[in-house]
């Protein structure tokens, strides 16, 4: 096997090993980055939901009382209902994104959690220190990430959720007196659950990952080609010329010109040593012939 082939094999194997290790590390980093991006999107949606609820609670909910219509129950003045309605409109354009405010004992039956939601609420109720829960559902193109936070009853909530007698009559008339009552201040009764798809972000990460690998591979090929050119010019060609001269000298040819390689590198040192050995050999042969 030729020297240049051996060198190329060693370099290629070293690069392949380094690329394999780097590729795994890069993919893990891309996946972590994609997960962080999805979580950030979920947190932004949750912050938007909370912002709307706080605004409605502060600016809209007091309007019936200020207008002297305490007996009137306006669903649009209920933060949970108004926020849910806004995100339902958003979901028409982005069906994979959702924000749900669910409770174990809701006023509106539509706010009752499914089995997964019940499990999330149970975890919040069991651990009062738990203020955020991240769960992943599904695989592949249907994978989604859920970000959940507990809903804790505040004192203001008891105006509608203590007893049917204290609740606005129009609310009781609309939803009945069976659900959404008996809440206690400080109790965890539900959860805010944001669902964000994972697949689009992972797909973008995959495209960036493949582009990076292609870039690394292309750079390696360019470097390998340049390395082969310099290796041939600086090492292989001088050695081949010295080998050819040595072969001719060994066959007794004395008309071969001295090989000149005027450099201070290892090839130059080898060339000078070779020329000294040649001259010594020629002198020895002349002494024998004399």
Protein backbone atom coordinates (compact mmCIF):
# COMPACT_ATOMS: atom_id res chain seq x y z
CA UNK A 1 0.00 0.00 0.00
CA UNK A 2 1.39 3.38 -0.98
CA UNK A 3 2.41 5.85 1.73
CA UNK A 4 -0.07 8.50 0.64
CA UNK A 5 -2.90 5.96 0.79
CA UNK A 6 -1.92 4.97 4.33
CA UNK A 7 -1.79 8.61 5.43
CA UNK A 8 -5.20 9.28 3.87
CA UNK A 9 -6.68 6.24 5.61
CA UNK A 10 -5.35 7.33 9.00
CA UNK A 11 -6.62 10.90 8.53
CA UNK A 12 -10.02 9.73 7.26
CA UNK A 13 -10.48 7.27 10.12
CA UNK A 14 -9.50 9.93 12.66
CA UNK A 15 -11.93 12.41 11.10
CA UNK A 16 -14.73 9.82 10.97
CA UNK A 17 -14.26 8.99 14.64
CA UNK A 18 -14.13 12.67 15.62
CA UNK A 19 -17.18 13.42 13.47
CA UNK A 20 -19.17 10.53 14.98
CA UNK A 21 -18.50 11.75 18.52
CA UNK A 22 -19.08 15.39 17.59
CA UNK A 23 -22.26 14.55 15.68
CA UNK A 24 -23.77 12.84 18.72
CA UNK A 25 -22.83 15.73 20.99
CA UNK A 26 -24.17 18.26 18.46
CA UNK A 27 -27.45 16.35 18.05
CA UNK A 28 -27.94 16.23 21.81
CA UNK A 29 -27.30 19.97 21.92
CA UNK A 30 -29.73 20.61 19.05
CA UNK A 31 -32.43 18.50 20.75
CA UNK A 32 -31.90 20.33 24.05
CA UNK A 33 -32.07 23.64 22.20
CA UNK A 34 -35.28 22.60 20.44
CA UNK A 35 -36.82 21.56 23.76
CA UNK A 36 -35.81 24.88 25.33
CA UNK A 37 -37.37 26.71 22.37
CA UNK A 38 -40.64 24.79 22.74
CA UNK A 39 -40.66 25.47 26.47
CA UNK A 40 -40.04 29.15 25.84
CA UNK A 41 -42.98 29.25 23.41
CA UNK A 42 -45.17 27.54 26.01
CA UNK A 43 -44.10 29.99 28.70
CA UNK A 44 -44.85 32.94 26.42
CA UNK A 45 -48.34 31.54 25.74
CA UNK A 46 -48.89 31.00 29.45
CA UNK A 47 -47.69 34.52 30.21
CA UNK A 48 -50.08 35.88 27.58
CA UNK A 49 -52.92 33.88 29.13
CA UNK A 50 -52.11 35.17 32.61
CA UNK A 51 -51.80 38.70 31.30
CA UNK A 52 -55.27 38.51 29.76
CA UNK A 53 -56.76 37.04 32.92
CA UNK A 54 -55.23 39.72 35.12
CA UNK A 55 -56.43 42.47 32.77
CA UNK A 56 -59.97 41.08 32.65
CA UNK A 57 -60.04 40.58 36.41
CA UNK A 58 -58.82 44.14 36.98
CA UNK A 59 -60.63 46.07 34.24
CA UNK A 60 -63.63 44.04 33.05
CA UNK A 61 -64.88 41.98 35.99
CA UNK A 62 -65.71 45.08 38.15
CA UNK A 63 -67.86 46.65 35.40
CA UNK A 64 -71.22 45.07 36.37
CA UNK A 65 -70.75 46.28 39.96
CA UNK A 66 -69.68 49.76 38.83
CA UNK A 67 -72.69 49.95 36.53
CA UNK A 68 -75.06 48.91 39.32
CA UNK A 69 -75.77 45.55 37.73
CA UNK A 70 -74.37 43.17 40.35
CA UNK A 71 -77.17 40.73 39.58
CA UNK A 72 -76.01 40.37 35.98
CA UNK A 73 -73.52 37.61 35.21
CA UNK A 74 -71.44 38.34 32.10
CA UNK A 75 -69.38 35.37 30.93
CA UNK A 76 -66.96 37.70 29.15
CA UNK A 77 -66.09 39.21 32.54
CA UNK A 78 -64.89 35.83 33.85
CA UNK A 79 -61.10 35.65 33.30
CA UNK A 80 -61.00 31.89 32.62
CA UNK A 81 -63.88 31.99 30.15
CA UNK A 82 -62.60 35.06 28.30
CA UNK A 83 -59.06 33.69 28.04
CA UNK A 84 -60.28 30.29 26.87
CA UNK A 85 -62.42 31.98 24.21
CA UNK A 86 -59.47 34.01 22.91
CA UNK A 87 -57.25 30.95 22.60
CA UNK A 88 -60.02 28.98 20.91
CA UNK A 89 -59.99 31.64 18.20
CA UNK A 90 -56.20 31.34 18.01
CA UNK A 91 -56.50 27.57 17.71
CA UNK A 92 -58.44 27.94 14.46
CA UNK A 93 -55.23 29.11 12.78
CA UNK A 94 -52.83 27.08 14.94
CA UNK A 95 -54.67 23.85 15.79
CA UNK A 96 -51.66 22.19 17.44
CA UNK A 97 -51.38 24.96 20.05
CA UNK A 98 -53.78 25.16 22.96
CA UNK A 99 -54.29 26.74 26.37
CA UNK A 100 -56.70 25.06 28.77
CA UNK A 101 -57.68 26.13 32.26
CA UNK A 102 -59.19 23.04 33.84
CA UNK A 103 -60.55 22.31 37.31
CA UNK A 104 -61.68 19.19 39.14
CA UNK A 105 -64.91 20.91 40.17
CA UNK A 106 -65.56 23.52 37.46
CA UNK A 107 -68.51 25.81 37.02
CA UNK A 108 -68.52 25.18 33.27
CA UNK A 109 -68.51 21.44 32.42
CA UNK A 110 -66.29 22.25 29.43
CA UNK A 111 -63.49 23.04 31.90
CA UNK A 112 -63.44 19.53 33.34
CA UNK A 113 -60.02 17.87 32.75
CA UNK A 114 -59.42 14.67 30.85
CA UNK A 115 -57.53 11.76 32.40
CA UNK A 116 -54.12 13.32 31.70
CA UNK A 117 -55.28 16.64 33.15
CA UNK A 118 -56.55 14.92 36.28
CA UNK A 119 -53.13 13.35 36.75
CA UNK A 120 -51.45 16.74 36.41
CA UNK A 121 -53.78 18.33 38.96
CA UNK A 122 -53.23 15.40 41.33
CA UNK A 123 -49.46 16.01 41.23
CA UNK A 124 -49.94 19.70 42.06
CA UNK A 125 -52.30 18.85 44.92
CA UNK A 126 -49.85 16.27 46.30
CA UNK A 127 -46.84 18.60 46.16
CA UNK A 128 -47.57 22.18 47.18
CA UNK A 129 -44.00 23.21 46.31
CA UNK A 130 -44.43 22.11 42.69
CA UNK A 131 -45.10 25.24 40.64
CA UNK A 132 -44.46 23.93 37.12
CA UNK A 133 -44.73 20.56 35.40
CA UNK A 134 -43.44 19.61 31.96
CA UNK A 135 -44.71 16.46 30.25
CA UNK A 136 -44.19 15.11 26.75
CA UNK A 137 -46.85 13.24 24.83
CA UNK A 138 -46.71 11.18 21.64
CA UNK A 139 -43.86 10.43 19.28
CA UNK A 140 -42.65 11.63 15.90
CA UNK A 141 -44.84 14.12 14.06
CA UNK A 142 -47.56 14.00 16.74
CA UNK A 143 -45.25 14.71 19.68
CA UNK A 144 -46.26 17.61 21.87
CA UNK A 145 -45.04 19.22 25.07
CA UNK A 146 -47.33 20.26 27.90
CA UNK A 147 -46.42 23.00 30.34
CA UNK A 148 -48.68 23.11 33.38
CA UNK A 149 -49.00 25.36 36.41
CA UNK A 150 -51.39 25.02 39.35
CA UNK A 151 -54.54 27.07 39.81
CA UNK A 152 -54.77 28.06 43.47
CA UNK A 153 -57.97 29.57 44.84
CA UNK A 154 -57.66 33.20 45.90
CA UNK A 155 -60.03 35.09 48.17
CA UNK A 156 -61.58 36.92 45.22
CA UNK A 157 -62.56 33.57 43.68
CA UNK A 158 -64.87 32.79 46.60
CA UNK A 159 -67.32 35.47 45.46
CA UNK A 160 -68.46 33.01 42.79
CA UNK A 161 -67.18 29.63 44.01
CA UNK A 162 -67.96 29.49 47.74
CA UNK A 163 -71.65 28.57 47.86
CA UNK A 164 -74.50 28.92 45.34
CA UNK A 165 -76.11 31.44 47.68
CA UNK A 166 -73.12 33.79 47.44
CA UNK A 167 -72.69 33.38 43.68
CA UNK A 168 -74.35 35.74 41.18
CA UNK A 169 -77.88 34.42 40.56
CA UNK A 170 -77.48 34.70 36.80
CA UNK A 171 -74.38 32.46 36.99
CA UNK A 172 -76.31 29.85 38.96
CA UNK A 173 -79.14 30.13 36.49
CA UNK A 174 -76.76 29.58 33.57
CA UNK A 175 -74.60 26.76 34.95
CA UNK A 176 -76.69 25.35 37.80
CA UNK A 177 -75.73 24.88 41.44
CA UNK A 178 -73.95 21.52 41.14
CA UNK A 179 -70.47 22.47 39.95
CA UNK A 180 -67.88 25.07 40.81
CA UNK A 181 -68.80 25.50 44.48
CA UNK A 182 -67.18 24.55 47.75
CA UNK A 183 -63.76 25.89 46.82
CA UNK A 184 -61.44 26.84 49.67
CA UNK A 185 -58.91 29.67 49.75
CA UNK A 186 -55.41 28.34 49.11
CA UNK A 187 -56.70 25.08 47.63
CA UNK A 188 -55.28 23.79 44.34
CA UNK A 189 -58.40 23.15 42.27
CA UNK A 190 -57.03 22.95 38.75
CA UNK A 191 -54.23 23.67 36.34
CA UNK A 192 -53.31 25.92 33.47
CA UNK A 193 -52.15 23.59 30.69
CA UNK A 194 -50.38 24.83 27.57
CA UNK A 195 -49.79 22.39 24.71
CA UNK A 196 -47.16 23.14 22.07
CA UNK A 197 -46.14 20.82 19.18
CA UNK A 198 -42.57 19.55 19.23
CA UNK A 199 -42.24 18.26 15.65
CA UNK A 200 -41.82 21.62 13.82
CA UNK A 201 -39.03 22.72 16.15
CA UNK A 202 -37.28 19.33 15.94
CA UNK A 203 -37.60 19.44 12.17
CA UNK A 204 -35.86 22.82 12.06
CA UNK A 205 -33.18 21.46 14.39
CA UNK A 206 -32.72 18.46 12.08
CA UNK A 207 -32.28 20.71 9.04
CA UNK A 208 -29.67 22.80 10.87
CA UNK A 209 -27.95 19.63 12.12
CA UNK A 210 -27.72 18.11 8.62
CA UNK A 211 -26.47 21.39 7.18
CA UNK A 212 -23.74 21.50 9.82
CA UNK A 213 -22.68 17.92 9.07
CA UNK A 214 -22.58 18.66 5.33
CA UNK A 215 -20.48 21.75 6.03
CA UNK A 216 -18.05 19.76 8.18
CA UNK A 217 -17.83 17.03 5.53
CA UNK A 218 -17.21 19.57 2.76
CA UNK A 219 -14.51 21.33 4.78
CA UNK A 220 -12.85 17.97 5.46
CA UNK A 221 -12.82 17.07 1.75
CA UNK A 222 -11.27 20.43 0.85
CA UNK A 223 -8.66 20.05 3.59
CA UNK A 224 -7.93 16.47 2.51
CA UNK A 225 -7.43 17.52 -1.11
CA UNK A 226 -5.13 20.39 -0.12
CA UNK A 227 -3.25 18.11 2.27
CA UNK A 228 -2.71 15.56 -0.50
CA UNK A 229 -1.41 18.25 -2.85
CA UNK A 230 1.07 19.58 -0.29
CA UNK A 231 1.99 16.06 0.81
CA UNK A 232 2.79 15.09 -2.77
CA UNK A 233 4.79 18.25 -3.48
CA UNK A 234 6.72 18.38 -0.20
CA UNK A 235 7.15 14.71 0.73
CA UNK A 236 6.09 12.10 -1.80
CA UNK A 237 7.72 13.59 -4.92
CA UNK A 238 11.15 14.22 -3.27
CA UNK A 239 11.17 10.72 -1.76
CA UNK A 240 10.23 9.15 -5.10
CA UNK A 241 13.05 11.03 -6.84
CA UNK A 242 15.57 9.91 -4.20
CA UNK A 243 14.30 6.34 -4.46
CA UNK A 244 14.69 6.40 -8.25
CA UNK A 245 18.25 7.78 -7.98
CA UNK A 246 19.12 5.19 -5.30
CA UNK A 247 17.81 2.44 -7.54
CA UNK A 248 19.92 3.67 -10.49
CA UNK A 249 23.04 4.02 -8.33
CA UNK A 250 22.57 0.52 -6.96
CA UNK A 251 22.64 -0.75 -10.55
CA UNK A 252 26.06 0.84 -11.08
CA UNK A 253 25.04 3.94 -12.98
CA UNK A 254 27.39 6.80 -12.11
CA UNK A 255 26.07 9.35 -14.58
CA UNK A 256 23.03 10.18 -12.45
CA UNK A 257 23.13 13.83 -11.27
CA UNK A 258 23.27 14.64 -7.58
CA UNK A 259 19.83 15.18 -6.10
CA UNK A 260 19.49 18.75 -4.82
CA UNK A 261 16.89 19.64 -2.23
CA UNK A 262 17.80 22.99 -0.70
CA UNK A 263 15.62 23.11 2.37
CA UNK A 264 16.17 22.88 6.10
CA UNK A 265 13.32 20.49 6.76
CA UNK A 266 13.50 16.73 7.29
CA UNK A 267 13.38 15.98 3.55
CA UNK A 268 16.34 18.31 3.00
CA UNK A 269 18.29 16.57 5.79
CA UNK A 270 17.46 13.20 4.26
CA UNK A 271 18.58 14.39 0.81
CA UNK A 272 21.93 15.63 2.12
CA UNK A 273 22.51 12.39 4.02
CA UNK A 274 21.62 10.43 0.89
CA UNK A 275 24.09 12.42 -1.22
CA UNK A 276 26.87 11.88 1.35
CA UNK A 277 26.16 8.18 1.36
CA UNK A 278 26.24 8.13 -2.43
CA UNK A 279 29.56 9.92 -2.55
CA UNK A 280 31.00 7.54 0.06
CA UNK A 281 29.76 4.57 -1.94
CA UNK A 282 31.25 5.90 -5.17
CA UNK A 283 34.60 6.58 -3.41
CA UNK A 284 34.63 3.06 -1.99
CA UNK A 285 33.93 1.56 -5.41
CA UNK A 286 36.76 3.59 -6.97
CA UNK A 287 39.18 2.40 -4.28
CA UNK A 288 38.17 -1.20 -4.95
CA UNK A 289 38.59 -0.75 -8.69
CA UNK A 290 42.04 0.83 -8.18
